[in-house]
Amino acid sequence: MSDYTPGSAYDLGYNARMKGSSKPNNVLVAENNVYWQEWEAGWEDAHQKIINESRNRNMSCKSPKCCKNKKFIQD
């Protein structure tokens, strides 16, 4: 890890999750814990972004007429 610069592990973890990679089970037992903590933080942030974007996409109306067809308790 001689070419490690602070922040680069975060970027690698973030990009790995955005490409669909799963989080390895052994990140905390690696020899360089700071590197893997940073990598995991990037992975977790990307994971949360994916979940939030999916939730927002599913909660929003795709057409203005769709909400008019819903029955709400207060109606």
N, C-alpha and C. Protein backbone atom coordinates (compact mmCIF):
# COMPACT_ATOMS: atom_id res chain seq x y z
N MET A 1 0.82 -1.19 0.00
CA MET A 1 0.00 0.00 0.00
C MET A 1 0.87 1.26 0.00
N SER A 2 2.01 1.17 -0.62
CA SER A 2 2.89 2.32 -0.63
C SER A 2 2.33 3.48 -1.44
N ASP A 3 1.41 3.24 -2.34
CA ASP A 3 0.83 4.31 -3.14
C ASP A 3 -0.49 4.82 -2.57
N TYR A 4 -0.79 4.47 -1.34
CA TYR A 4 -2.02 4.91 -0.69
C TYR A 4 -1.97 6.39 -0.35
N THR A 5 -3.03 7.10 -0.68
CA THR A 5 -3.19 8.49 -0.26
C THR A 5 -4.54 8.60 0.44
N PRO A 6 -4.62 9.38 1.49
CA PRO A 6 -5.88 9.51 2.21
C PRO A 6 -7.02 9.90 1.26
N GLY A 7 -8.10 9.17 1.37
CA GLY A 7 -9.26 9.41 0.52
C GLY A 7 -9.38 8.44 -0.63
N SER A 8 -8.27 7.84 -1.03
CA SER A 8 -8.33 6.93 -2.18
C SER A 8 -9.09 5.65 -1.86
N ALA A 9 -9.00 5.16 -0.64
CA ALA A 9 -9.72 3.94 -0.27
C ALA A 9 -11.22 4.20 -0.24
N TYR A 10 -11.62 5.38 0.19
CA TYR A 10 -13.04 5.75 0.18
C TYR A 10 -13.58 5.68 -1.25
N ASP A 11 -12.83 6.28 -2.17
CA ASP A 11 -13.25 6.27 -3.58
C ASP A 11 -13.35 4.86 -4.13
N LEU A 12 -12.40 4.01 -3.77
CA LEU A 12 -12.43 2.62 -4.24
C LEU A 12 -13.64 1.87 -3.70
N GLY A 13 -13.95 2.07 -2.42
CA GLY A 13 -15.12 1.43 -1.84
C GLY A 13 -16.41 1.93 -2.43
N TYR A 14 -16.49 3.24 -2.63
CA TYR A 14 -17.68 3.86 -3.23
C TYR A 14 -17.91 3.32 -4.64
N ASN A 15 -16.85 3.31 -5.43
CA ASN A 15 -16.96 2.84 -6.81
C ASN A 15 -17.28 1.35 -6.88
N ALA A 16 -16.74 0.59 -5.94
CA ALA A 16 -17.02 -0.85 -5.92
C ALA A 16 -18.51 -1.10 -5.71
N ARG A 17 -19.12 -0.38 -4.77
CA ARG A 17 -20.55 -0.58 -4.51
C ARG A 17 -21.40 -0.09 -5.67
N MET A 18 -21.00 1.02 -6.29
CA MET A 18 -21.76 1.54 -7.42
C MET A 18 -21.71 0.59 -8.62
N LYS A 19 -20.68 -0.24 -8.67
CA LYS A 19 -20.57 -1.24 -9.74
C LYS A 19 -21.23 -2.55 -9.36
N GLY A 20 -21.79 -2.64 -8.14
CA GLY A 20 -22.52 -3.83 -7.72
C GLY A 20 -21.73 -4.84 -6.92
N SER A 21 -20.54 -4.47 -6.49
CA SER A 21 -19.73 -5.40 -5.69
C SER A 21 -20.27 -5.52 -4.27
N SER A 22 -20.15 -6.71 -3.73
CA SER A 22 -20.56 -6.91 -2.34
C SER A 22 -19.41 -6.55 -1.41
N LYS A 23 -19.75 -6.30 -0.16
CA LYS A 23 -18.74 -5.93 0.83
C LYS A 23 -18.07 -7.21 1.32
N PRO A 24 -16.74 -7.26 1.31
CA PRO A 24 -16.05 -8.45 1.81
C PRO A 24 -16.27 -8.63 3.31
N ASN A 25 -16.28 -9.87 3.75
CA ASN A 25 -16.51 -10.18 5.16
C ASN A 25 -15.30 -9.88 6.03
N ASN A 26 -14.13 -9.86 5.45
CA ASN A 26 -12.90 -9.77 6.24
C ASN A 26 -12.27 -8.39 6.27
N VAL A 27 -13.04 -7.31 6.07
CA VAL A 27 -12.43 -5.99 6.00
C VAL A 27 -11.80 -5.55 7.31
N LEU A 28 -12.34 -5.93 8.43
CA LEU A 28 -11.80 -5.46 9.71
C LEU A 28 -10.59 -6.24 10.17
N VAL A 29 -10.31 -7.38 9.58
CA VAL A 29 -9.13 -8.15 9.99
C VAL A 29 -7.96 -7.93 9.04
N ALA A 30 -8.10 -7.01 8.12
CA ALA A 30 -7.02 -6.73 7.19
C ALA A 30 -5.85 -6.07 7.92
N GLU A 31 -4.68 -6.12 7.32
CA GLU A 31 -3.49 -5.59 8.00
C GLU A 31 -3.52 -4.07 8.14
N ASN A 32 -4.18 -3.36 7.26
CA ASN A 32 -4.23 -1.91 7.32
C ASN A 32 -5.67 -1.49 7.64
N ASN A 33 -6.00 -1.39 8.92
CA ASN A 33 -7.37 -1.10 9.32
C ASN A 33 -7.85 0.28 8.87
N VAL A 34 -7.00 1.29 8.84
CA VAL A 34 -7.40 2.62 8.41
C VAL A 34 -7.85 2.58 6.96
N TYR A 35 -7.10 1.90 6.12
CA TYR A 35 -7.47 1.75 4.71
C TYR A 35 -8.85 1.11 4.58
N TRP A 36 -9.08 0.01 5.28
CA TRP A 36 -10.34 -0.71 5.14
C TRP A 36 -11.50 0.01 5.80
N GLN A 37 -11.25 0.76 6.86
CA GLN A 37 -12.32 1.58 7.44
C GLN A 37 -12.76 2.65 6.44
N GLU A 38 -11.80 3.23 5.78
CA GLU A 38 -12.10 4.24 4.76
C GLU A 38 -12.84 3.60 3.58
N TRP A 39 -12.38 2.44 3.14
CA TRP A 39 -13.02 1.72 2.03
C TRP A 39 -14.46 1.39 2.39
N GLU A 40 -14.66 0.90 3.60
CA GLU A 40 -16.01 0.53 4.04
C GLU A 40 -16.92 1.75 4.15
N ALA A 41 -16.39 2.89 4.57
CA ALA A 41 -17.19 4.12 4.64
C ALA A 41 -17.67 4.52 3.24
N GLY A 42 -16.81 4.42 2.26
CA GLY A 42 -17.19 4.71 0.88
C GLY A 42 -18.25 3.75 0.38
N TRP A 43 -18.07 2.46 0.69
CA TRP A 43 -19.03 1.44 0.27
C TRP A 43 -20.39 1.70 0.90
N GLU A 44 -20.40 2.00 2.20
CA GLU A 44 -21.66 2.25 2.92
C GLU A 44 -22.37 3.50 2.38
N ASP A 45 -21.63 4.56 2.08
CA ASP A 45 -22.25 5.77 1.55
C ASP A 45 -22.89 5.50 0.19
N ALA A 46 -22.21 4.76 -0.66
CA ALA A 46 -22.77 4.41 -1.96
C ALA A 46 -24.00 3.52 -1.79
N HIS A 47 -23.95 2.60 -0.84
CA HIS A 47 -25.07 1.70 -0.57
C HIS A 47 -26.30 2.51 -0.15
N GLN A 48 -26.09 3.47 0.73
CA GLN A 48 -27.20 4.31 1.18
C GLN A 48 -27.75 5.16 0.04
N LYS A 49 -26.88 5.65 -0.81
CA LYS A 49 -27.31 6.44 -1.97
C LYS A 49 -28.19 5.60 -2.89
N ILE A 50 -27.80 4.37 -3.15
CA ILE A 50 -28.57 3.47 -4.01
C ILE A 50 -29.95 3.22 -3.42
N ILE A 51 -30.00 2.97 -2.12
CA ILE A 51 -31.27 2.71 -1.45
C ILE A 51 -32.17 3.94 -1.50
N ASN A 52 -31.62 5.11 -1.18
CA ASN A 52 -32.41 6.35 -1.19
C ASN A 52 -32.95 6.67 -2.58
N GLU A 53 -32.13 6.50 -3.60
CA GLU A 53 -32.59 6.78 -4.96
C GLU A 53 -33.69 5.81 -5.37
N SER A 54 -33.57 4.57 -4.97
CA SER A 54 -34.60 3.59 -5.28
C SER A 54 -35.91 3.91 -4.56
N ARG A 55 -35.81 4.29 -3.30
CA ARG A 55 -37.01 4.67 -2.55
C ARG A 55 -37.69 5.88 -3.18
N ASN A 56 -36.91 6.89 -3.52
CA ASN A 56 -37.47 8.09 -4.13
C ASN A 56 -38.13 7.78 -5.46
N ARG A 57 -37.52 6.91 -6.23
CA ARG A 57 -38.08 6.54 -7.52
C ARG A 57 -39.40 5.80 -7.35
N ASN A 58 -39.50 4.96 -6.33
CA ASN A 58 -40.71 4.19 -6.10
C ASN A 58 -41.81 5.01 -5.45
N MET A 59 -41.46 6.07 -4.75
CA MET A 59 -42.45 6.86 -4.03
C MET A 59 -43.03 7.99 -4.88
N SER A 60 -42.35 8.37 -5.93
CA SER A 60 -42.82 9.50 -6.72
C SER A 60 -43.75 9.04 -7.82
N CYS A 61 -44.64 9.91 -8.19
CA CYS A 61 -45.58 9.62 -9.28
C CYS A 61 -44.88 9.82 -10.61
N LYS A 62 -45.09 8.88 -11.48
CA LYS A 62 -44.50 8.99 -12.81
C LYS A 62 -45.38 9.83 -13.72
N SER A 63 -46.66 9.88 -13.41
CA SER A 63 -47.56 10.71 -14.20
C SER A 63 -48.48 11.46 -13.24
N PRO A 64 -48.84 12.68 -13.55
CA PRO A 64 -49.67 13.47 -12.63
C PRO A 64 -51.03 12.84 -12.33
N LYS A 65 -51.53 12.01 -13.22
CA LYS A 65 -52.85 11.41 -13.03
C LYS A 65 -52.83 10.25 -12.03
N CYS A 66 -51.67 9.66 -11.78
CA CYS A 66 -51.63 8.47 -10.94
C CYS A 66 -52.05 8.77 -9.50
N CYS A 67 -51.68 9.92 -8.99
CA CYS A 67 -52.02 10.26 -7.61
C CYS A 67 -53.52 10.50 -7.44
N LYS A 68 -54.19 10.91 -8.48
CA LYS A 68 -55.63 11.16 -8.41
C LYS A 68 -56.42 9.87 -8.26
N ASN A 69 -55.84 8.77 -8.69
CA ASN A 69 -56.53 7.48 -8.60
C ASN A 69 -56.36 6.81 -7.24
N LYS A 70 -55.48 7.31 -6.42
CA LYS A 70 -55.23 6.69 -5.12
C LYS A 70 -56.30 7.10 -4.13
N LYS A 71 -56.64 6.20 -3.27
CA LYS A 71 -57.61 6.48 -2.21
C LYS A 71 -56.83 6.65 -0.90
N PHE A 72 -57.00 7.79 -0.28
CA PHE A 72 -56.30 8.08 0.95
C PHE A 72 -57.28 8.04 2.12
N ILE A 73 -56.80 7.73 3.29
CA ILE A 73 -57.65 7.62 4.47
C ILE A 73 -58.38 8.92 4.76
N GLN A 74 -57.71 10.04 4.59
CA GLN A 74 -58.34 11.31 4.92
C GLN A 74 -59.38 11.75 3.90
N ASP A 75 -59.50 11.08 2.76
CA ASP A 75 -60.51 11.46 1.75
C ASP A 75 -61.90 11.03 2.12
